[in-house]
PDB file of N, CA and C in Angstrom:
ATOM      1  N   MET A   1    -151.566 107.194 -70.093  1.00  0.00           N
ATOM      2  CA  MET A   1    -150.516 106.293 -70.535  1.00  0.00           C
ATOM      3  C   MET A   1    -150.921 104.875 -70.125  1.00  0.00           C
ATOM      4  N   THR A   2    -150.875 103.955 -71.063  1.00  0.00           N
ATOM      5  CA  THR A   2    -151.233 102.578 -70.750  1.00  0.00           C
ATOM      6  C   THR A   2    -150.111 101.924 -69.955  1.00  0.00           C
ATOM      7  N   LYS A   3    -150.413 100.793 -69.354  1.00  0.00           N
ATOM      8  CA  LYS A   3    -149.394 100.084 -68.590  1.00  0.00           C
ATOM      9  C   LYS A   3    -148.236  99.665 -69.480  1.00  0.00           C
ATOM     10  N   ALA A   4    -148.551  99.239 -70.688  1.00  0.00           N
ATOM     11  CA  ALA A   4    -147.494  98.823 -71.614  1.00  0.00           C
ATOM     12  C   ALA A   4    -146.573  99.997 -71.937  1.00  0.00           C
ATOM     13  N   GLU A   5    -147.151 101.173 -72.190  1.00  0.00           N
ATOM     14  CA  GLU A   5    -146.336 102.355 -72.482  1.00  0.00           C
ATOM     15  C   GLU A   5    -145.506 102.744 -71.267  1.00  0.00           C
ATOM     16  N   GLU A   6    -146.107 102.643 -70.084  1.00  0.00           N
ATOM     17  CA  GLU A   6    -145.388 102.974 -68.859  1.00  0.00           C
ATOM     18  C   GLU A   6    -144.202 102.026 -68.660  1.00  0.00           C
ATOM     19  N   LEU A   7    -144.404 100.740 -68.896  1.00  0.00           N
ATOM     20  CA  LEU A   7    -143.313  99.776 -68.763  1.00  0.00           C
ATOM     21  C   LEU A   7    -142.203 100.048 -69.771  1.00  0.00           C
ATOM     22  N   ARG A   8    -142.581 100.382 -71.010  1.00  0.00           N
ATOM     23  CA  ARG A   8    -141.567 100.712 -72.019  1.00  0.00           C
ATOM     24  C   ARG A   8    -140.770 101.946 -71.601  1.00  0.00           C
ATOM     25  N   ALA A   9    -141.452 102.954 -71.069  1.00  0.00           N
ATOM     26  CA  ALA A   9    -140.771 104.177 -70.642  1.00  0.00           C
ATOM     27  C   ALA A   9    -139.817 103.886 -69.489  1.00  0.00           C
ATOM     28  N   ARG A  10    -140.245 103.063 -68.539  1.00  0.00           N
ATOM     29  CA  ARG A  10    -139.385 102.713 -67.413  1.00  0.00           C
ATOM     30  C   ARG A  10    -138.153 101.952 -67.889  1.00  0.00           C
ATOM     31  N   ALA A  11    -138.355 101.035 -68.832  1.00  0.00           N
ATOM     32  CA  ALA A  11    -137.226 100.271 -69.368  1.00  0.00           C
ATOM     33  C   ALA A  11    -136.250 101.193 -70.090  1.00  0.00           C
ATOM     34  N   ALA A  12    -136.775 102.155 -70.837  1.00  0.00           N
ATOM     35  CA  ALA A  12    -135.913 103.099 -71.552  1.00  0.00           C
ATOM     36  C   ALA A  12    -135.105 103.941 -70.569  1.00  0.00           C
ATOM     37  N   ARG A  13    -135.754 104.401 -69.494  1.00  0.00           N
ATOM     38  CA  ARG A  13    -135.036 105.188 -68.484  1.00  0.00           C
ATOM     39  C   ARG A  13    -133.948 104.357 -67.816  1.00  0.00           C
ATOM     40  N   ALA A  14    -134.250 103.107 -67.516  1.00  0.00           N
ATOM     41  CA  ALA A  14    -133.261 102.235 -66.883  1.00  0.00           C
ATOM     42  C   ALA A  14    -132.080 101.996 -67.813  1.00  0.00           C
ATOM     43  N   THR A  15    -132.352 101.834 -69.088  1.00  0.00           N
ATOM     44  CA  THR A  15    -131.288 101.638 -70.071  1.00  0.00           C
ATOM     45  C   THR A  15    -130.417 102.880 -70.165  1.00  0.00           C
ATOM     46  N   GLN A  16    -131.045 104.057 -70.145  1.00  0.00           N
ATOM     47  CA  GLN A  16    -130.282 105.304 -70.216  1.00  0.00           C
ATOM     48  C   GLN A  16    -129.401 105.469 -68.988  1.00  0.00           C
ATOM     49  N   ARG A  17    -129.927 105.111 -67.808  1.00  0.00           N
ATOM     50  CA  ARG A  17    -129.123 105.212 -66.585  1.00  0.00           C
ATOM     51  C   ARG A  17    -127.914 104.292 -66.667  1.00  0.00           C
ATOM     52  N   ALA A  18    -128.126 103.084 -67.164  1.00  0.00           N
ATOM     53  CA  ALA A  18    -127.032 102.121 -67.261  1.00  0.00           C
ATOM     54  C   ALA A  18    -125.993 102.581 -68.277  1.00  0.00           C
ATOM     55  N   ALA A  19    -126.432 103.259 -69.322  1.00  0.00           N
ATOM     56  CA  ALA A  19    -125.518 103.694 -70.376  1.00  0.00           C
ATOM     57  C   ALA A  19    -124.821 105.012 -70.042  1.00  0.00           C
ATOM     58  N   SER A  20    -125.340 105.764 -69.091  1.00  0.00           N
ATOM     59  CA  SER A  20    -124.736 107.059 -68.768  1.00  0.00           C
ATOM     60  C   SER A  20    -123.396 106.850 -68.078  1.00  0.00           C
ATOM     61  N   THR A  21    -122.545 107.872 -68.173  1.00  0.00           N
ATOM     62  CA  THR A  21    -121.223 107.780 -67.574  1.00  0.00           C
ATOM     63  C   THR A  21    -121.241 108.392 -66.195  1.00  0.00           C
ATOM     64  N   THR A  22    -120.262 108.027 -65.381  1.00  0.00           N
ATOM     65  CA  THR A  22    -120.133 108.601 -64.048  1.00  0.00           C
ATOM     66  C   THR A  22    -119.384 109.915 -64.155  1.00  0.00           C
ATOM     67  N   PRO A  23    -119.490 110.804 -63.165  1.00  0.00           N
ATOM     68  CA  PRO A  23    -118.795 112.093 -63.231  1.00  0.00           C
ATOM     69  C   PRO A  23    -117.283 111.951 -63.372  1.00  0.00           C
ATOM     70  N   GLU A  24    -116.689 110.913 -62.758  1.00  0.00           N
ATOM     71  CA  GLU A  24    -115.244 110.746 -62.864  1.00  0.00           C
ATOM     72  C   GLU A  24    -114.822 110.498 -64.308  1.00  0.00           C
ATOM     73  N   GLN A  25    -115.675 109.853 -65.081  1.00  0.00           N
ATOM     74  CA  GLN A  25    -115.331 109.538 -66.459  1.00  0.00           C
ATOM     75  C   GLN A  25    -115.336 110.785 -67.332  1.00  0.00           C
ATOM     76  N   ASN A  26    -116.046 111.824 -66.921  1.00  0.00           N
ATOM     77  CA  ASN A  26    -116.129 113.051 -67.707  1.00  0.00           C
ATOM     78  C   ASN A  26    -114.958 113.991 -67.453  1.00  0.00           C
ATOM     79  N   GLN A  27    -114.146 113.740 -66.432  1.00  0.00           N
ATOM     80  CA  GLN A  27    -113.043 114.626 -66.109  1.00  0.00           C
ATOM     81  C   GLN A  27    -111.886 114.391 -67.078  1.00  0.00           C
ATOM     82  N   PRO A  28    -111.230 115.490 -67.493  1.00  0.00           N
ATOM     83  CA  PRO A  28    -110.083 115.321 -68.380  1.00  0.00           C
ATOM     84  C   PRO A  28    -108.963 114.575 -67.664  1.00  0.00           C
ATOM     85  N   GLY A  29    -108.297 113.727 -68.390  1.00  0.00           N
ATOM     86  CA  GLY A  29    -107.187 112.971 -67.819  1.00  0.00           C
ATOM     87  C   GLY A  29    -107.620 111.718 -67.087  1.00  0.00           C
ATOM     88  N   ALA A  30    -108.919 111.511 -66.953  1.00  0.00           N
ATOM     89  CA  ALA A  30    -109.397 110.304 -66.278  1.00  0.00           C
ATOM     90  C   ALA A  30    -109.234 109.124 -67.227  1.00  0.00           C
ATOM     91  N   PRO A  31    -108.883 107.973 -66.683  1.00  0.00           N
ATOM     92  CA  PRO A  31    -108.728 106.808 -67.564  1.00  0.00           C
ATOM     93  C   PRO A  31    -110.074 106.422 -68.177  1.00  0.00           C
ATOM     94  N   ALA A  32    -110.007 105.951 -69.398  1.00  0.00           N
ATOM     95  CA  ALA A  32    -111.236 105.550 -70.089  1.00  0.00           C
ATOM     96  C   ALA A  32    -111.793 104.291 -69.438  1.00  0.00           C
ATOM     97  N   ALA A  33    -113.064 104.320 -69.177  1.00  0.00           N
ATOM     98  CA  ALA A  33    -113.716 103.161 -68.570  1.00  0.00           C
ATOM     99  C   ALA A  33    -114.124 102.178 -69.651  1.00  0.00           C
ATOM    100  N   GLU A  34    -114.272 100.937 -69.254  1.00  0.00           N
ATOM    101  CA  GLU A  34    -114.723  99.927 -70.202  1.00  0.00           C
ATOM    102  C   GLU A  34    -116.147 100.243 -70.635  1.00  0.00           C
ATOM    103  N   ALA A  35    -116.472  99.921 -71.853  1.00  0.00           N
ATOM    104  CA  ALA A  35    -117.815 100.179 -72.370  1.00  0.00           C
ATOM    105  C   ALA A  35    -118.839  99.266 -71.726  1.00  0.00           C
ATOM    106  N   THR A  36    -118.434  98.051 -71.390  1.00  0.00           N
ATOM    107  CA  THR A  36    -119.356  97.119 -70.753  1.00  0.00           C
ATOM    108  C   THR A  36    -118.749  96.632 -69.452  1.00  0.00           C
ATOM    109  N   PRO A  37    -119.576  96.419 -68.448  1.00  0.00           N
ATOM    110  CA  PRO A  37    -119.041  95.926 -67.183  1.00  0.00           C
ATOM    111  C   PRO A  37    -118.563  94.481 -67.330  1.00  0.00           C
ATOM    112  N   ALA A  38    -117.676  94.100 -66.439  1.00  0.00           N
ATOM    113  CA  ALA A  38    -117.179  92.725 -66.462  1.00  0.00           C
ATOM    114  C   ALA A  38    -118.337  91.775 -66.180  1.00  0.00           C
ATOM    115  N   PRO A  39    -118.393  90.653 -66.869  1.00  0.00           N
ATOM    116  CA  PRO A  39    -119.494  89.718 -66.635  1.00  0.00           C
ATOM    117  C   PRO A  39    -119.419  89.141 -65.228  1.00  0.00           C
ATOM    118  N   ARG A  40    -120.591  88.950 -64.654  1.00  0.00           N
ATOM    119  CA  ARG A  40    -120.649  88.363 -63.319  1.00  0.00           C
ATOM    120  C   ARG A  40    -120.450  86.859 -63.428  1.00  0.00           C
ATOM    121  N   PRO A  41    -119.795  86.294 -62.441  1.00  0.00           N
ATOM    122  CA  PRO A  41    -119.649  84.835 -62.478  1.00  0.00           C
ATOM    123  C   PRO A  41    -121.012  84.177 -62.259  1.00  0.00           C
ATOM    124  N   ASN A  42    -121.197  83.019 -62.857  1.00  0.00           N
ATOM    125  CA  ASN A  42    -122.451  82.294 -62.669  1.00  0.00           C
ATOM    126  C   ASN A  42    -122.465  81.700 -61.268  1.00  0.00           C
ATOM    127  N   VAL A  43    -123.343  82.229 -60.450  1.00  0.00           N
ATOM    128  CA  VAL A  43    -123.459  81.770 -59.079  1.00  0.00           C
ATOM    129  C   VAL A  43    -124.866  81.227 -58.891  1.00  0.00           C
ATOM    130  N   ILE A  44    -124.953  80.049 -58.350  1.00  0.00           N
ATOM    131  CA  ILE A  44    -126.260  79.459 -58.076  1.00  0.00           C
ATOM    132  C   ILE A  44    -126.715  79.942 -56.714  1.00  0.00           C
ATOM    133  N   ARG A  45    -127.912  80.530 -56.700  1.00  0.00           N
ATOM    134  CA  ARG A  45    -128.467  80.997 -55.432  1.00  0.00           C
ATOM    135  C   ARG A  45    -128.780  79.813 -54.543  1.00  0.00           C
ATOM    136  N   ALA A  46    -128.428  79.933 -53.291  1.00  0.00           N
ATOM    137  CA  ALA A  46    -128.735  78.872 -52.342  1.00  0.00           C
ATOM    138  C   ALA A  46    -130.039  79.162 -51.608  1.00  0.00           C
ATOM    139  N   LYS A  47    -130.365  80.418 -51.475  1.00  0.00           N
ATOM    140  CA  LYS A  47    -131.569  80.789 -50.733  1.00  0.00           C
ATOM    141  C   LYS A  47    -132.728  81.019 -51.692  1.00  0.00           C
ATOM    142  N   PRO A  48    -133.930  80.634 -51.287  1.00  0.00           N
ATOM    143  CA  PRO A  48    -135.104  80.899 -52.125  1.00  0.00           C
ATOM    144  C   PRO A  48    -135.323  82.399 -52.306  1.00  0.00           C
ATOM    145  N   VAL A  49    -135.968  82.755 -53.382  1.00  0.00           N
ATOM    146  CA  VAL A  49    -136.280  84.150 -53.674  1.00  0.00           C
ATOM    147  C   VAL A  49    -137.739  84.390 -53.323  1.00  0.00           C
ATOM    148  N   ARG A  50    -138.002  85.427 -52.552  1.00  0.00           N
ATOM    149  CA  ARG A  50    -139.373  85.746 -52.158  1.00  0.00           C
ATOM    150  C   ARG A  50    -140.000  86.643 -53.213  1.00  0.00           C
ATOM    151  N   ILE A  51    -141.237  86.332 -53.574  1.00  0.00           N
ATOM    152  CA  ILE A  51    -141.983  87.185 -54.494  1.00  0.00           C
ATOM    153  C   ILE A  51    -143.251  87.654 -53.799  1.00  0.00           C
ATOM    154  N   THR A  52    -143.773  88.748 -54.266  1.00  0.00           N
ATOM    155  CA  THR A  52    -145.008  89.294 -53.723  1.00  0.00           C
ATOM    156  C   THR A  52    -145.921  89.627 -54.889  1.00  0.00           C
ATOM    157  N   ALA A  53    -147.190  89.325 -54.722  1.00  0.00           N
ATOM    158  CA  ALA A  53    -148.164  89.639 -55.766  1.00  0.00           C
ATOM    159  C   ALA A  53    -149.422  90.191 -55.115  1.00  0.00           C
ATOM    160  N   ASP A  54    -149.944  91.256 -55.675  1.00  0.00           N
ATOM    161  CA  ASP A  54    -151.213  91.813 -55.216  1.00  0.00           C
ATOM    162  C   ASP A  54    -152.321  91.184 -56.039  1.00  0.00           C
ATOM    163  N   LEU A  55    -153.261  90.550 -55.364  1.00  0.00           N
ATOM    164  CA  LEU A  55    -154.388  89.905 -56.032  1.00  0.00           C
ATOM    165  C   LEU A  55    -155.672  90.623 -55.662  1.00  0.00           C
ATOM    166  N   SER A  56    -156.599  90.642 -56.590  1.00  0.00           N
ATOM    167  CA  SER A  56    -157.917  91.187 -56.261  1.00  0.00           C
ATOM    168  C   SER A  56    -158.567  90.239 -55.258  1.00  0.00           C
ATOM    169  N   PRO A  57    -159.501  90.727 -54.464  1.00  0.00           N
ATOM    170  CA  PRO A  57    -160.172  89.851 -53.494  1.00  0.00           C
ATOM    171  C   PRO A  57    -160.822  88.631 -54.148  1.00  0.00           C
ATOM    172  N   GLN A  58    -161.376  88.802 -55.343  1.00  0.00           N
ATOM    173  CA  GLN A  58    -162.029  87.682 -56.018  1.00  0.00           C
ATOM    174  C   GLN A  58    -161.007  86.623 -56.439  1.00  0.00           C
ATOM    175  N   VAL A  59    -159.878  87.057 -56.971  1.00  0.00           N
ATOM    176  CA  VAL A  59    -158.843  86.112 -57.397  1.00  0.00           C
ATOM    177  C   VAL A  59    -158.256  85.403 -56.180  1.00  0.00           C
ATOM    178  N   TYR A  60    -158.018  86.153 -55.108  1.00  0.00           N
ATOM    179  CA  TYR A  60    -157.489  85.545 -53.884  1.00  0.00           C
ATOM    180  C   TYR A  60    -158.467  84.512 -53.333  1.00  0.00           C
ATOM    181  N   ARG A  61    -159.746  84.852 -53.324  1.00  0.00           N
ATOM    182  CA  ARG A  61    -160.766  83.918 -52.838  1.00  0.00           C
ATOM    183  C   ARG A  61    -160.760  82.656 -53.702  1.00  0.00           C
ATOM    184  N   GLY A  62    -160.626  82.807 -55.007  1.00  0.00           N
ATOM    185  CA  GLY A  62    -160.545  81.651 -55.896  1.00  0.00           C
ATOM    186  C   GLY A  62    -159.343  80.771 -55.583  1.00  0.00           C
ATOM    187  N   LEU A  63    -158.195  81.391 -55.301  1.00  0.00           N
ATOM    188  CA  LEU A  63    -156.993  80.643 -54.947  1.00  0.00           C
ATOM    189  C   LEU A  63    -157.195  79.871 -53.648  1.00  0.00           C
ATOM    190  N   ILE A  64    -157.759  80.530 -52.659  1.00  0.00           N
ATOM    191  CA  ILE A  64    -158.002  79.891 -51.362  1.00  0.00           C
ATOM    192  C   ILE A  64    -159.014  78.755 -51.513  1.00  0.00           C
ATOM    193  N   ASP A  65    -160.076  78.999 -52.280  1.00  0.00           N
ATOM    194  CA  ASP A  65    -161.085  77.954 -52.504  1.00  0.00           C
ATOM    195  C   ASP A  65    -160.473  76.753 -53.220  1.00  0.00           C
ATOM    196  N   TYR A  66    -159.626  77.015 -54.209  1.00  0.00           N
ATOM    197  CA  TYR A  66    -158.972  75.921 -54.928  1.00  0.00           C
ATOM    198  C   TYR A  66    -158.096  75.114 -53.971  1.00  0.00           C
ATOM    199  N   ALA A  67    -157.301  75.802 -53.151  1.00  0.00           N
ATOM    200  CA  ALA A  67    -156.426  75.116 -52.197  1.00  0.00           C
ATOM    201  C   ALA A  67    -157.246  74.307 -51.195  1.00  0.00           C
ATOM    202  N   ALA A  68    -158.389  74.842 -50.766  1.00  0.00           N
ATOM    203  CA  ALA A  68    -159.251  74.114 -49.827  1.00  0.00           C
ATOM    204  C   ALA A  68    -159.832  72.865 -50.487  1.00  0.00           C
ATOM    205  N   GLY A  69    -160.265  72.990 -51.740  1.00  0.00           N
ATOM    206  CA  GLY A  69    -160.777  71.829 -52.465  1.00  0.00           C
ATOM    207  C   GLY A  69    -159.700  70.779 -52.676  1.00  0.00           C
ATOM    208  N   LEU A  70    -158.490  71.226 -52.961  1.00  0.00           N
ATOM    209  CA  LEU A  70    -157.361  70.321 -53.138  1.00  0.00           C
ATOM    210  C   LEU A  70    -157.068  69.577 -51.838  1.00  0.00           C
ATOM    211  N   ALA A  71    -157.113  70.291 -50.736  1.00  0.00           N
ATOM    212  CA  ALA A  71    -156.891  69.664 -49.430  1.00  0.00           C
ATOM    213  C   ALA A  71    -157.941  68.590 -49.172  1.00  0.00           C
ATOM    214  N   GLU A  72    -159.178  68.895 -49.510  1.00  0.00           N
ATOM    215  CA  GLU A  72    -160.260  67.934 -49.290  1.00  0.00           C
ATOM    216  C   GLU A  72    -160.069  66.682 -50.140  1.00  0.00           C
ATOM    217  N   THR A  73    -159.715  66.846 -51.412  1.00  0.00           N
ATOM    218  CA  THR A  73    -159.545  65.675 -52.283  1.00  0.00           C
ATOM    219  C   THR A  73    -158.314  64.859 -51.917  1.00  0.00           C
ATOM    220  N   GLN A  74    -157.328  65.496 -51.281  1.00  0.00           N
ATOM    221  CA  GLN A  74    -156.113  64.782 -50.893  1.00  0.00           C
ATOM    222  C   GLN A  74    -156.157  64.290 -49.453  1.00  0.00           C
ATOM    223  N   GLY A  75    -157.275  64.523 -48.782  1.00  0.00           N
ATOM    224  CA  GLY A  75    -157.416  64.055 -47.408  1.00  0.00           C
ATOM    225  C   GLY A  75    -156.539  64.795 -46.416  1.00  0.00           C
ATOM    226  N   ARG A  76    -156.309  66.051 -46.680  1.00  0.00           N
ATOM    227  CA  ARG A  76    -155.496  66.872 -45.775  1.00  0.00           C
ATOM    228  C   ARG A  76    -156.384  67.912 -45.107  1.00  0.00           C
ATOM    229  N   VAL A  77    -155.914  68.416 -44.003  1.00  0.00           N
ATOM    230  CA  VAL A  77    -156.654  69.467 -43.322  1.00  0.00           C
ATOM    231  C   VAL A  77    -156.577  70.754 -44.127  1.00  0.00           C
ATOM    232  N   ARG A  78    -155.392  71.014 -44.690  1.00  0.00           N
ATOM    233  CA  ARG A  78    -155.176  72.285 -45.380  1.00  0.00           C
ATOM    234  C   ARG A  78    -154.061  72.132 -46.404  1.00  0.00           C
ATOM    235  N   VAL A  79    -154.171  72.858 -47.497  1.00  0.00           N
ATOM    236  CA  VAL A  79    -153.072  73.022 -48.456  1.00  0.00           C
ATOM    237  C   VAL A  79    -152.847  74.528 -48.565  1.00  0.00           C
ATOM    238  N   ALA A  80    -151.656  74.965 -48.208  1.00  0.00           N
ATOM    239  CA  ALA A  80    -151.350  76.397 -48.247  1.00  0.00           C
ATOM    240  C   ALA A  80    -151.319  76.885 -49.693  1.00  0.00           C
ATOM    241  N   HIS A  81    -151.790  78.103 -49.900  1.00  0.00           N
ATOM    242  CA  HIS A  81    -151.817  78.634 -51.265  1.00  0.00           C
ATOM    243  C   HIS A  81    -150.426  78.773 -51.858  1.00  0.00           C
ATOM    244  N   VAL A  82    -149.397  78.851 -51.028  1.00  0.00           N
ATOM    245  CA  VAL A  82    -148.033  78.930 -51.552  1.00  0.00           C
ATOM    246  C   VAL A  82    -147.658  77.639 -52.281  1.00  0.00           C
ATOM    247  N   HIS A  83    -148.186  76.501 -51.817  1.00  0.00           N
ATOM    248  CA  HIS A  83    -147.916  75.235 -52.509  1.00  0.00           C
ATOM    249  C   HIS A  83    -148.563  75.235 -53.891  1.00  0.00           C
ATOM    250  N   VAL A  84    -149.749  75.793 -53.978  1.00  0.00           N
ATOM    251  CA  VAL A  84    -150.431  75.898 -55.272  1.00  0.00           C
ATOM    252  C   VAL A  84    -149.635  76.822 -56.190  1.00  0.00           C
ATOM    253  N   THR A  85    -149.168  77.943 -55.662  1.00  0.00           N
ATOM    254  CA  THR A  85    -148.403  78.904 -56.459  1.00  0.00           C
ATOM    255  C   THR A  85    -147.094  78.286 -56.949  1.00  0.00           C
ATOM    256  N   ARG A  86    -146.389  77.585 -56.071  1.00  0.00           N
ATOM    257  CA  ARG A  86    -145.133  76.939 -56.475  1.00  0.00           C
ATOM    258  C   ARG A  86    -145.376  75.891 -57.555  1.00  0.00           C
ATOM    259  N   ALA A  87    -146.436  75.101 -57.390  1.00  0.00           N
ATOM    260  CA  ALA A  87    -146.759  74.077 -58.390  1.00  0.00           C
ATOM    261  C   ALA A  87    -147.128  74.724 -59.722  1.00  0.00           C
ATOM    262  N   LEU A  88    -147.836  75.846 -59.653  1.00  0.00           N
ATOM    263  CA  LEU A  88    -148.225  76.552 -60.871  1.00  0.00           C
ATOM    264  C   LEU A  88    -146.997  77.061 -61.626  1.00  0.00           C
ATOM    265  N   VAL A  89    -146.038  77.631 -60.916  1.00  0.00           N
ATOM    266  CA  VAL A  89    -144.816  78.125 -61.562  1.00  0.00           C
ATOM    267  C   VAL A  89    -144.014  76.960 -62.141  1.00  0.00           C
ATOM    268  N   ALA A  90    -143.900  75.863 -61.397  1.00  0.00           N
ATOM    269  CA  ALA A  90    -143.175  74.694 -61.901  1.00  0.00           C
ATOM    270  C   ALA A  90    -143.836  74.158 -63.172  1.00  0.00           C
ATOM    271  N   GLU A  91    -145.162  74.091 -63.177  1.00  0.00           N
ATOM    272  CA  GLU A  91    -145.890  73.619 -64.356  1.00  0.00           C
ATOM    273  C   GLU A  91    -145.699  74.583 -65.524  1.00  0.00           C
ATOM    274  N   LEU A  92    -145.696  75.875 -65.239  1.00  0.00           N
ATOM    275  CA  LEU A  92    -145.494  76.883 -66.274  1.00  0.00           C
ATOM    276  C   LEU A  92    -144.146  76.694 -66.970  1.00  0.00           C
ATOM    277  N   LEU A  93    -143.124  76.382 -66.203  1.00  0.00           N
ATOM    278  CA  LEU A  93    -141.785  76.212 -66.770  1.00  0.00           C
ATOM    279  C   LEU A  93    -141.668  74.967 -67.638  1.00  0.00           C
ATOM    280  N   GLU A  94    -142.552  74.003 -67.434  1.00  0.00           N
ATOM    281  CA  GLU A  94    -142.463  72.735 -68.168  1.00  0.00           C
ATOM    282  C   GLU A  94    -143.485  72.589 -69.284  1.00  0.00           C
ATOM    283  N   ASN A  95    -144.529  73.394 -69.290  1.00  0.00           N
ATOM    284  CA  ASN A  95    -145.669  73.179 -70.179  1.00  0.00           C
ATOM    285  C   ASN A  95    -145.753  74.297 -71.220  1.00  0.00           C
ATOM    286  N   ASP A  96    -145.425  73.985 -72.472  1.00  0.00           N
ATOM    287  CA  ASP A  96    -145.435  74.988 -73.542  1.00  0.00           C
ATOM    288  C   ASP A  96    -146.830  75.556 -73.793  1.00  0.00           C
ATOM    289  N   GLU A  97    -147.840  74.713 -73.712  1.00  0.00           N
ATOM    290  CA  GLU A  97    -149.213  75.175 -73.940  1.00  0.00           C
ATOM    291  C   GLU A  97    -149.624  76.180 -72.862  1.00  0.00           C
ATOM    292  N   LEU A  98    -149.265  75.887 -71.622  1.00  0.00           N
ATOM    293  CA  LEU A  98    -149.568  76.810 -70.530  1.00  0.00           C
ATOM    294  C   LEU A  98    -148.781  78.111 -70.700  1.00  0.00           C
ATOM    295  N   GLN A  99    -147.548  78.022 -71.161  1.00  0.00           N
ATOM    296  CA  GLN A  99    -146.747  79.226 -71.397  1.00  0.00           C
ATOM    297  C   GLN A  99    -147.424  80.134 -72.414  1.00  0.00           C
ATOM    298  N   GLY A 100    -147.969  79.544 -73.469  1.00  0.00           N
ATOM    299  CA  GLY A 100    -148.677  80.335 -74.475  1.00  0.00           C
ATOM    300  C   GLY A 100    -149.915  81.000 -73.904  1.00  0.00           C
ATOM    301  N   ALA A 101    -150.670  80.261 -73.099  1.00  0.00           N
ATOM    302  CA  ALA A 101    -151.878  80.825 -72.486  1.00  0.00           C
ATOM    303  C   ALA A 101    -151.522  81.968 -71.545  1.00  0.00           C
ATOM    304  N   ILE A 102    -150.462  81.801 -70.768  1.00  0.00           N
ATOM    305  CA  ILE A 102    -150.036  82.855 -69.841  1.00  0.00           C
ATOM    306  C   ILE A 102    -149.543  84.067 -70.622  1.00  0.00           C
ATOM    307  N   ALA A 103    -148.801  83.844 -71.695  1.00  0.00           N
ATOM    308  CA  ALA A 103    -148.309  84.962 -72.513  1.00  0.00           C
ATOM    309  C   ALA A 103    -149.471  85.773 -73.066  1.00  0.00           C
ATOM    310  N   ARG A 104    -150.512  85.097 -73.523  1.00  0.00           N
ATOM    311  CA  ARG A 104    -151.687  85.815 -74.050  1.00  0.00           C
ATOM    312  C   ARG A 104    -152.374  86.617 -72.948  1.00  0.00           C
ATOM    313  N   ARG A 105    -152.492  86.036 -71.768  1.00  0.00           N
ATOM    314  CA  ARG A 105    -153.152  86.737 -70.664  1.00  0.00           C
ATOM    315  C   ARG A 105    -152.327  87.945 -70.211  1.00  0.00           C
ATOM    316  N   VAL A 106    -151.018  87.784 -70.136  1.00  0.00           N
ATOM    317  CA  VAL A 106    -150.153  88.905 -69.744  1.00  0.00           C
ATOM    318  C   VAL A 106    -150.243  90.019 -70.778  1.00  0.00           C
ATOM    319  N   ARG A 107    -150.226  89.661 -72.065  1.00  0.00           N
ATOM    320  CA  ARG A 107    -150.349  90.659 -73.126  1.00  0.00           C
ATOM    321  C   ARG A 107    -151.656  91.431 -72.973  1.00  0.00           C
ATOM    322  N   ALA A 108    -152.744  90.718 -72.686  1.00  0.00           N
ATOM    323  CA  ALA A 108    -154.044  91.373 -72.508  1.00  0.00           C
ATOM    324  C   ALA A 108    -154.024  92.302 -71.296  1.00  0.00           C
ATOM    325  N   GLN A 109    -153.365  91.883 -70.212  1.00  0.00           N
ATOM    326  CA  GLN A 109    -153.279  92.734 -69.020  1.00  0.00           C
ATOM    327  C   GLN A 109    -152.475  93.997 -69.307  1.00  0.00           C
ATOM    328  N   LEU A 110    -151.386  93.858 -70.049  1.00  0.00           N
ATOM    329  CA  LEU A 110    -150.548  95.018 -70.349  1.00  0.00           C
ATOM    330  C   LEU A 110    -151.217  95.975 -71.324  1.00  0.00           C
ATOM    331  N   ASP A 111    -152.090  95.448 -72.172  1.00  0.00           N
ATOM    332  CA  ASP A 111    -152.790  96.291 -73.137  1.00  0.00           C
ATOM    333  C   ASP A 111    -153.957  97.048 -72.516  1.00  0.00           C
ATOM    334  N   ASP A 112    -154.404  96.620 -71.333  1.00  0.00           N
ATOM    335  CA  ASP A 112    -155.543  97.299 -70.680  1.00  0.00           C
ATOM    336  C   ASP A 112    -155.174  98.640 -70.132  1.00  0.00           C
TER     337      ASP A 112
END
């Protein structure tokens, strides 16, 4: 099973779980539940969200080397790779051309 097929299967299972009824709803005389849950209020998160990514040693080395080169050109002792990652995500959100390139790369990864 390819990664893309696996992701589709997981999404289908999650959808089925969300659509399934609880045991109380199957009992006779139980009040009918709403078909859709009440919408959540829009709440702005105050705390940052932590993400984790597994990188191959070569990709990680490239990230570290890039951050070290950036530190050197900016006259700093060090630039943490998290700063590079944050800048990359911020640029991704603003740059349509980069979004297209990332979409193509993700599609290729999922098709492998």
